[in-house]
Amino acid sequence: MFQHVNGIQLFYEVKGSGKPLIMVHGNSEDHTIFDEASEILKDSFTVYAVDSRDHGQSTKVSELHYSDMADDLLVFMNDLDLKDVTFYGFSDGGILGLLLAQKTDRISRLIVSGANMTPDGVSGKLKLLVKVLHFFTKDSKLKMILNEPHITAEELSAIKVPTTVIAGEKDLVLRRETEAIAAAIPGSKLRILKGEGHGSYIVHKTRIAELILEETSQN
């Protein structure tokens, strides 16, 4: 399905019934990374798995910014009149969740995995790899990783909904960055998953569904 927002078309897939759960993928991925998880989650939620702009089947753009991507999702929620939303975001999707939860009261529960506040919040190896790839490809998605986001602890302190901040023990996001995010959000919960990497428990995996069900059952 497509929803027209901010002059582009956002593609999304809907499964299940119940309260809305929005799931947003990471950089250079699309909604299909959640196929396995959504099959479990659809028994408890109406799952909206969205392709961010310039990803998947959504409209391609020449320039990409997290603020624009977050605004797309804000309009998406408003236009579909989604309320009491559980928002789950992985990596770039997690960054969007951190931005959105400051701006709207439509989100009542926030869960983010592998999100960072600044471009320096990721491992040096990842930054080097992205720089090399961007040099050869000039991909706007990679350029965004190198230059964004710039989220402050003060901005995160504006998030008032129950929040869980998740990262793998071997994540590409630095541990101190994940801890700083959790520390800045009032009353948030931090979960570091032993033995896991950045997306090892998420991409085409069911474990993220189990984690979401665990966290939302504690609401």
C-alpha atoms as a PDB file:
ATOM      1  CA  MET A   1       0.000   0.000   0.000  1.00  0.00           C
ATOM      2  CA  PHE A   2       1.060   3.595  -0.576  1.00  0.00           C
ATOM      3  CA  GLN A   3       0.420   6.769   1.401  1.00  0.00           C
ATOM      4  CA  HIS A   4       1.113  10.199  -0.101  1.00  0.00           C
ATOM      5  CA  VAL A   5       3.109  12.329   2.375  1.00  0.00           C
ATOM      6  CA  ASN A   6       5.189  15.475   1.898  1.00  0.00           C
ATOM      7  CA  GLY A   7       5.177  15.153  -1.887  1.00  0.00           C
ATOM      8  CA  ILE A   8       6.330  11.530  -1.968  1.00  0.00           C
ATOM      9  CA  GLN A   9       4.796   8.067  -1.769  1.00  0.00           C
ATOM     10  CA  LEU A  10       5.555   5.945   1.299  1.00  0.00           C
ATOM     11  CA  PHE A  11       5.087   2.222   0.824  1.00  0.00           C
ATOM     12  CA  TYR A  12       3.865   0.190   3.773  1.00  0.00           C
ATOM     13  CA  GLU A  13       2.490  -3.243   4.554  1.00  0.00           C
ATOM     14  CA  VAL A  14      -0.260  -3.889   7.108  1.00  0.00           C
ATOM     15  CA  LYS A  15      -0.812  -7.134   8.996  1.00  0.00           C
ATOM     16  CA  GLY A  16      -2.894  -8.211  11.965  1.00  0.00           C
ATOM     17  CA  SER A  17      -5.288  -6.488  14.316  1.00  0.00           C
ATOM     18  CA  GLY A  18      -5.107  -4.610  17.590  1.00  0.00           C
ATOM     19  CA  LYS A  19      -3.247  -1.480  18.626  1.00  0.00           C
ATOM     20  CA  PRO A  20      -0.952  -0.020  15.964  1.00  0.00           C
ATOM     21  CA  LEU A  21       2.709  -0.995  15.875  1.00  0.00           C
ATOM     22  CA  ILE A  22       4.907   0.901  13.424  1.00  0.00           C
ATOM     23  CA  MET A  23       8.166  -0.816  12.465  1.00  0.00           C
ATOM     24  CA  VAL A  24      10.924   1.031  10.609  1.00  0.00           C
ATOM     25  CA  HIS A  25      14.061  -0.537   9.133  1.00  0.00           C
ATOM     26  CA  GLY A  26      17.663   0.625   8.984  1.00  0.00           C
ATOM     27  CA  ASN A  27      19.771   2.322   6.330  1.00  0.00           C
ATOM     28  CA  SER A  28      19.673   0.735   2.851  1.00  0.00           C
ATOM     29  CA  GLU A  29      17.074  -1.840   3.970  1.00  0.00           C
ATOM     30  CA  ASP A  30      13.306  -2.054   3.621  1.00  0.00           C
ATOM     31  CA  HIS A  31      10.262  -3.326   5.499  1.00  0.00           C
ATOM     32  CA  THR A  32      10.880  -6.955   4.466  1.00  0.00           C
ATOM     33  CA  ILE A  33      13.560  -7.354   7.148  1.00  0.00           C
ATOM     34  CA  PHE A  34      10.618  -7.634   9.571  1.00  0.00           C
ATOM     35  CA  ASP A  35       8.698 -10.316   7.624  1.00  0.00           C
ATOM     36  CA  GLU A  36       9.407 -13.052  10.147  1.00  0.00           C
ATOM     37  CA  ALA A  37       8.841 -10.845  13.196  1.00  0.00           C
ATOM     38  CA  SER A  38       5.599  -9.371  11.866  1.00  0.00           C
ATOM     39  CA  GLU A  39       4.111 -12.835  11.419  1.00  0.00           C
ATOM     40  CA  ILE A  40       4.356 -13.208  15.202  1.00  0.00           C
ATOM     41  CA  LEU A  41       3.464  -9.631  16.108  1.00  0.00           C
ATOM     42  CA  LYS A  42       0.319  -9.538  13.948  1.00  0.00           C
ATOM     43  CA  ASP A  43      -1.463 -11.664  16.552  1.00  0.00           C
ATOM     44  CA  SER A  44      -1.090  -8.831  19.081  1.00  0.00           C
ATOM     45  CA  PHE A  45      -0.901  -5.664  16.952  1.00  0.00           C
ATOM     46  CA  THR A  46      -1.895  -4.098  13.690  1.00  0.00           C
ATOM     47  CA  VAL A  47       1.628  -3.999  12.266  1.00  0.00           C
ATOM     48  CA  TYR A  48       2.549  -1.164   9.904  1.00  0.00           C
ATOM     49  CA  ALA A  49       5.926  -2.015   8.324  1.00  0.00           C
ATOM     50  CA  VAL A  50       7.051   1.087   6.425  1.00  0.00           C
ATOM     51  CA  ASP A  51       9.670   1.751   3.750  1.00  0.00           C
ATOM     52  CA  SER A  52      11.367   5.080   4.526  1.00  0.00           C
ATOM     53  CA  ARG A  53      11.757   7.574   1.682  1.00  0.00           C
ATOM     54  CA  ASP A  54      14.495   6.523  -0.765  1.00  0.00           C
ATOM     55  CA  HIS A  55      14.201   2.934   0.482  1.00  0.00           C
ATOM     56  CA  GLY A  56      12.317  -0.097  -0.770  1.00  0.00           C
ATOM     57  CA  GLN A  57       9.238   0.799  -2.806  1.00  0.00           C
ATOM     58  CA  SER A  58       8.969   4.373  -1.464  1.00  0.00           C
ATOM     59  CA  THR A  59       9.830   7.379  -3.626  1.00  0.00           C
ATOM     60  CA  LYS A  60      13.499   7.924  -4.421  1.00  0.00           C
ATOM     61  CA  VAL A  61      14.931  11.351  -3.566  1.00  0.00           C
ATOM     62  CA  SER A  62      18.183  13.132  -4.429  1.00  0.00           C
ATOM     63  CA  GLU A  63      18.929  14.281  -0.876  1.00  0.00           C
ATOM     64  CA  LEU A  64      18.181  12.521   2.367  1.00  0.00           C
ATOM     65  CA  HIS A  65      17.862  13.793   5.956  1.00  0.00           C
ATOM     66  CA  TYR A  66      16.582  12.190   9.139  1.00  0.00           C
ATOM     67  CA  SER A  67      14.390  15.221   9.842  1.00  0.00           C
ATOM     68  CA  ASP A  68      12.538  14.743   6.539  1.00  0.00           C
ATOM     69  CA  MET A  69      12.144  11.019   7.153  1.00  0.00           C
ATOM     70  CA  ALA A  70      10.719  11.688  10.613  1.00  0.00           C
ATOM     71  CA  ASP A  71       8.321  14.276   9.195  1.00  0.00           C
ATOM     72  CA  ASP A  72       7.122  11.684   6.670  1.00  0.00           C
ATOM     73  CA  LEU A  73       6.191   9.320   9.490  1.00  0.00           C
ATOM     74  CA  LEU A  74       4.524  12.099  11.444  1.00  0.00           C
ATOM     75  CA  VAL A  75       2.258  12.892   8.483  1.00  0.00           C
ATOM     76  CA  PHE A  76       1.730   9.157   7.947  1.00  0.00           C
ATOM     77  CA  MET A  77       0.434   8.749  11.506  1.00  0.00           C
ATOM     78  CA  ASN A  78      -1.710  11.878  11.251  1.00  0.00           C
ATOM     79  CA  ASP A  79      -3.242  10.961   7.889  1.00  0.00           C
ATOM     80  CA  LEU A  80      -4.077   7.413   8.993  1.00  0.00           C
ATOM     81  CA  ASP A  81      -5.174   8.788  12.388  1.00  0.00           C
ATOM     82  CA  LEU A  82      -3.033   6.265  14.248  1.00  0.00           C
ATOM     83  CA  LYS A  83      -3.187   6.697  18.019  1.00  0.00           C
ATOM     84  CA  ASP A  84      -1.664   4.917  21.006  1.00  0.00           C
ATOM     85  CA  VAL A  85       1.134   3.775  18.701  1.00  0.00           C
ATOM     86  CA  THR A  86       3.956   1.477  19.707  1.00  0.00           C
ATOM     87  CA  PHE A  87       6.901   2.608  17.582  1.00  0.00           C
ATOM     88  CA  TYR A  88       9.788   0.244  16.939  1.00  0.00           C
ATOM     89  CA  GLY A  89      12.812   1.412  14.989  1.00  0.00           C
ATOM     90  CA  PHE A  90      16.050  -0.347  14.091  1.00  0.00           C
ATOM     91  CA  SER A  91      19.238   1.656  13.450  1.00  0.00           C
ATOM     92  CA  ASP A  92      18.090   4.572  11.212  1.00  0.00           C
ATOM     93  CA  GLY A  93      14.547   3.629  12.186  1.00  0.00           C
ATOM     94  CA  GLY A  94      15.558   4.000  15.829  1.00  0.00           C
ATOM     95  CA  ILE A  95      16.908   7.478  15.135  1.00  0.00           C
ATOM     96  CA  LEU A  96      13.558   8.357  13.566  1.00  0.00           C
ATOM     97  CA  GLY A  97      11.783   7.052  16.662  1.00  0.00           C
ATOM     98  CA  LEU A  98      13.900   9.293  18.904  1.00  0.00           C
ATOM     99  CA  LEU A  99      13.040  12.302  16.737  1.00  0.00           C
ATOM    100  CA  LEU A 100       9.343  11.474  16.442  1.00  0.00           C
ATOM    101  CA  ALA A 101       8.710  10.801  20.117  1.00  0.00           C
ATOM    102  CA  GLN A 102       9.696  14.410  20.846  1.00  0.00           C
ATOM    103  CA  LYS A 103       7.117  15.745  18.369  1.00  0.00           C
ATOM    104  CA  THR A 104       3.868  13.813  18.739  1.00  0.00           C
ATOM    105  CA  ASP A 105       1.525  12.401  21.336  1.00  0.00           C
ATOM    106  CA  ARG A 106       0.417   9.666  18.940  1.00  0.00           C
ATOM    107  CA  ILE A 107       3.282   7.460  20.150  1.00  0.00           C
ATOM    108  CA  SER A 108       2.606   5.885  23.538  1.00  0.00           C
ATOM    109  CA  ARG A 109       5.473   3.366  23.596  1.00  0.00           C
ATOM    110  CA  LEU A 110       8.947   3.655  22.065  1.00  0.00           C
ATOM    111  CA  ILE A 111      11.426   0.849  21.443  1.00  0.00           C
ATOM    112  CA  VAL A 112      14.671   1.529  19.586  1.00  0.00           C
ATOM    113  CA  SER A 113      17.530  -0.778  18.631  1.00  0.00           C
ATOM    114  CA  GLY A 114      21.009   0.240  17.526  1.00  0.00           C
ATOM    115  CA  ALA A 115      20.275   3.976  17.362  1.00  0.00           C
ATOM    116  CA  ASN A 116      22.864   6.736  17.663  1.00  0.00           C
ATOM    117  CA  MET A 117      22.693  10.431  18.584  1.00  0.00           C
ATOM    118  CA  THR A 118      25.612  11.658  16.445  1.00  0.00           C
ATOM    119  CA  PRO A 119      27.749  10.409  13.531  1.00  0.00           C
ATOM    120  CA  ASP A 120      30.556   9.782  16.042  1.00  0.00           C
ATOM    121  CA  GLY A 121      28.409   7.372  18.026  1.00  0.00           C
ATOM    122  CA  VAL A 122      29.298   4.421  15.799  1.00  0.00           C
ATOM    123  CA  SER A 123      32.440   2.316  15.570  1.00  0.00           C
ATOM    124  CA  GLY A 124      35.465   3.605  13.712  1.00  0.00           C
ATOM    125  CA  LYS A 125      35.417   0.574  11.412  1.00  0.00           C
ATOM    126  CA  LEU A 126      31.863   1.337  10.325  1.00  0.00           C
ATOM    127  CA  LYS A 127      32.673   5.008   9.695  1.00  0.00           C
ATOM    128  CA  LEU A 128      35.663   4.052   7.550  1.00  0.00           C
ATOM    129  CA  LEU A 129      33.641   1.526   5.564  1.00  0.00           C
ATOM    130  CA  VAL A 130      30.852   4.030   4.939  1.00  0.00           C
ATOM    131  CA  LYS A 131      33.370   6.691   3.847  1.00  0.00           C
ATOM    132  CA  VAL A 132      34.935   4.318   1.325  1.00  0.00           C
ATOM    133  CA  LEU A 133      31.578   3.165  -0.018  1.00  0.00           C
ATOM    134  CA  HIS A 134      30.305   6.733  -0.296  1.00  0.00           C
ATOM    135  CA  PHE A 135      33.465   7.784  -2.148  1.00  0.00           C
ATOM    136  CA  PHE A 136      32.702   5.270  -4.876  1.00  0.00           C
ATOM    137  CA  THR A 137      28.893   5.363  -4.913  1.00  0.00           C
ATOM    138  CA  LYS A 138      27.959   8.918  -3.835  1.00  0.00           C
ATOM    139  CA  ASP A 139      24.888   7.296  -2.271  1.00  0.00           C
ATOM    140  CA  SER A 140      22.793   9.852  -0.369  1.00  0.00           C
ATOM    141  CA  LYS A 141      21.922   7.225   2.247  1.00  0.00           C
ATOM    142  CA  LEU A 142      25.602   6.771   3.085  1.00  0.00           C
ATOM    143  CA  LYS A 143      26.207  10.527   3.078  1.00  0.00           C
ATOM    144  CA  MET A 144      23.493  10.888   5.707  1.00  0.00           C
ATOM    145  CA  ILE A 145      25.230   8.371   7.989  1.00  0.00           C
ATOM    146  CA  LEU A 146      28.463  10.359   7.735  1.00  0.00           C
ATOM    147  CA  ASN A 147      26.860  13.714   8.569  1.00  0.00           C
ATOM    148  CA  GLU A 148      23.831  12.989  10.762  1.00  0.00           C
ATOM    149  CA  PRO A 149      22.086  12.786  13.205  1.00  0.00           C
ATOM    150  CA  HIS A 150      22.698  15.534  15.752  1.00  0.00           C
ATOM    151  CA  ILE A 151      20.396  14.760  18.667  1.00  0.00           C
ATOM    152  CA  THR A 152      21.142  16.276  22.065  1.00  0.00           C
ATOM    153  CA  ALA A 153      20.514  14.858  25.511  1.00  0.00           C
ATOM    154  CA  GLU A 154      18.294  17.885  26.167  1.00  0.00           C
ATOM    155  CA  GLU A 155      16.118  16.973  23.182  1.00  0.00           C
ATOM    156  CA  LEU A 156      15.866  13.368  24.351  1.00  0.00           C
ATOM    157  CA  SER A 157      14.777  14.568  27.791  1.00  0.00           C
ATOM    158  CA  ALA A 158      11.558  15.762  26.109  1.00  0.00           C
ATOM    159  CA  ILE A 159      10.524  12.151  25.470  1.00  0.00           C
ATOM    160  CA  LYS A 160       7.931  11.323  28.120  1.00  0.00           C
ATOM    161  CA  VAL A 161       6.607   7.948  26.926  1.00  0.00           C
ATOM    162  CA  PRO A 162       7.840   4.579  28.237  1.00  0.00           C
ATOM    163  CA  THR A 163      10.994   3.834  26.254  1.00  0.00           C
ATOM    164  CA  THR A 164      13.264   0.821  25.858  1.00  0.00           C
ATOM    165  CA  VAL A 165      16.733   1.329  24.383  1.00  0.00           C
ATOM    166  CA  ILE A 166      18.272  -1.867  22.991  1.00  0.00           C
ATOM    167  CA  ALA A 167      21.677  -2.699  21.538  1.00  0.00           C
ATOM    168  CA  GLY A 168      23.724  -5.797  20.925  1.00  0.00           C
ATOM    169  CA  GLU A 169      26.780  -6.520  23.036  1.00  0.00           C
ATOM    170  CA  LYS A 170      28.787  -6.374  19.768  1.00  0.00           C
ATOM    171  CA  ASP A 171      26.810  -3.527  18.216  1.00  0.00           C
ATOM    172  CA  LEU A 172      28.193  -1.118  15.612  1.00  0.00           C
ATOM    173  CA  VAL A 173      26.864   1.653  17.834  1.00  0.00           C
ATOM    174  CA  LEU A 174      29.268   2.377  20.685  1.00  0.00           C
ATOM    175  CA  ARG A 175      28.130   1.205  24.124  1.00  0.00           C
ATOM    176  CA  ARG A 176      28.613   4.663  25.593  1.00  0.00           C
ATOM    177  CA  GLU A 177      26.308   6.096  22.931  1.00  0.00           C
ATOM    178  CA  THR A 178      23.538   3.628  23.742  1.00  0.00           C
ATOM    179  CA  GLU A 179      23.975   4.297  27.456  1.00  0.00           C
ATOM    180  CA  ALA A 180      23.855   8.064  26.844  1.00  0.00           C
ATOM    181  CA  ILE A 181      20.566   7.744  24.970  1.00  0.00           C
ATOM    182  CA  ALA A 182      19.014   5.705  27.757  1.00  0.00           C
ATOM    183  CA  ALA A 183      20.334   8.080  30.422  1.00  0.00           C
ATOM    184  CA  ALA A 184      18.853  11.105  28.651  1.00  0.00           C
ATOM    185  CA  ILE A 185      15.313   9.738  28.293  1.00  0.00           C
ATOM    186  CA  PRO A 186      13.459   9.985  31.614  1.00  0.00           C
ATOM    187  CA  GLY A 187      12.640   6.565  33.070  1.00  0.00           C
ATOM    188  CA  SER A 188      13.868   4.626  30.049  1.00  0.00           C
ATOM    189  CA  LYS A 189      15.022   1.020  30.189  1.00  0.00           C
ATOM    190  CA  LEU A 190      18.371  -0.130  28.774  1.00  0.00           C
ATOM    191  CA  ARG A 191      18.856  -3.634  27.393  1.00  0.00           C
ATOM    192  CA  ILE A 192      22.237  -4.844  26.123  1.00  0.00           C
ATOM    193  CA  LEU A 193      21.813  -8.223  24.452  1.00  0.00           C
ATOM    194  CA  LYS A 194      24.625 -10.667  25.154  1.00  0.00           C
ATOM    195  CA  GLY A 195      26.369 -12.063  22.105  1.00  0.00           C
ATOM    196  CA  GLU A 196      24.337 -10.018  19.613  1.00  0.00           C
ATOM    197  CA  GLY A 197      25.582  -7.616  16.961  1.00  0.00           C
ATOM    198  CA  HIS A 198      23.876  -4.674  15.302  1.00  0.00           C
ATOM    199  CA  GLY A 199      21.133  -6.528  13.462  1.00  0.00           C
ATOM    200  CA  SER A 200      21.772 -10.171  14.319  1.00  0.00           C
ATOM    201  CA  TYR A 201      18.573 -10.432  16.369  1.00  0.00           C
ATOM    202  CA  ILE A 202      16.480  -8.274  14.048  1.00  0.00           C
ATOM    203  CA  VAL A 203      17.015  -8.771  10.314  1.00  0.00           C
ATOM    204  CA  HIS A 204      14.785 -11.679   9.251  1.00  0.00           C
ATOM    205  CA  LYS A 205      14.726 -12.877  12.855  1.00  0.00           C
ATOM    206  CA  THR A 206      11.888 -13.573  15.273  1.00  0.00           C
ATOM    207  CA  ARG A 207      13.769 -12.572  18.410  1.00  0.00           C
ATOM    208  CA  ILE A 208      12.917  -8.904  17.949  1.00  0.00           C
ATOM    209  CA  ALA A 209       9.237  -9.875  17.987  1.00  0.00           C
ATOM    210  CA  GLU A 210       9.760 -11.638  21.300  1.00  0.00           C
ATOM    211  CA  LEU A 211      11.549  -8.573  22.710  1.00  0.00           C
ATOM    212  CA  ILE A 212       8.777  -6.225  21.574  1.00  0.00           C
ATOM    213  CA  LEU A 213       6.144  -8.471  23.155  1.00  0.00           C
ATOM    214  CA  GLU A 214       8.146  -8.626  26.389  1.00  0.00           C
ATOM    215  CA  GLU A 215       8.545  -4.853  26.577  1.00  0.00           C
ATOM    216  CA  THR A 216       4.965  -3.983  25.695  1.00  0.00           C
ATOM    217  CA  SER A 217       3.531  -6.524  28.136  1.00  0.00           C
ATOM    218  CA  GLN A 218       5.251  -4.541  30.912  1.00  0.00           C
ATOM    219  CA  ASN A 219       3.433  -1.315  30.006  1.00  0.00           C
END
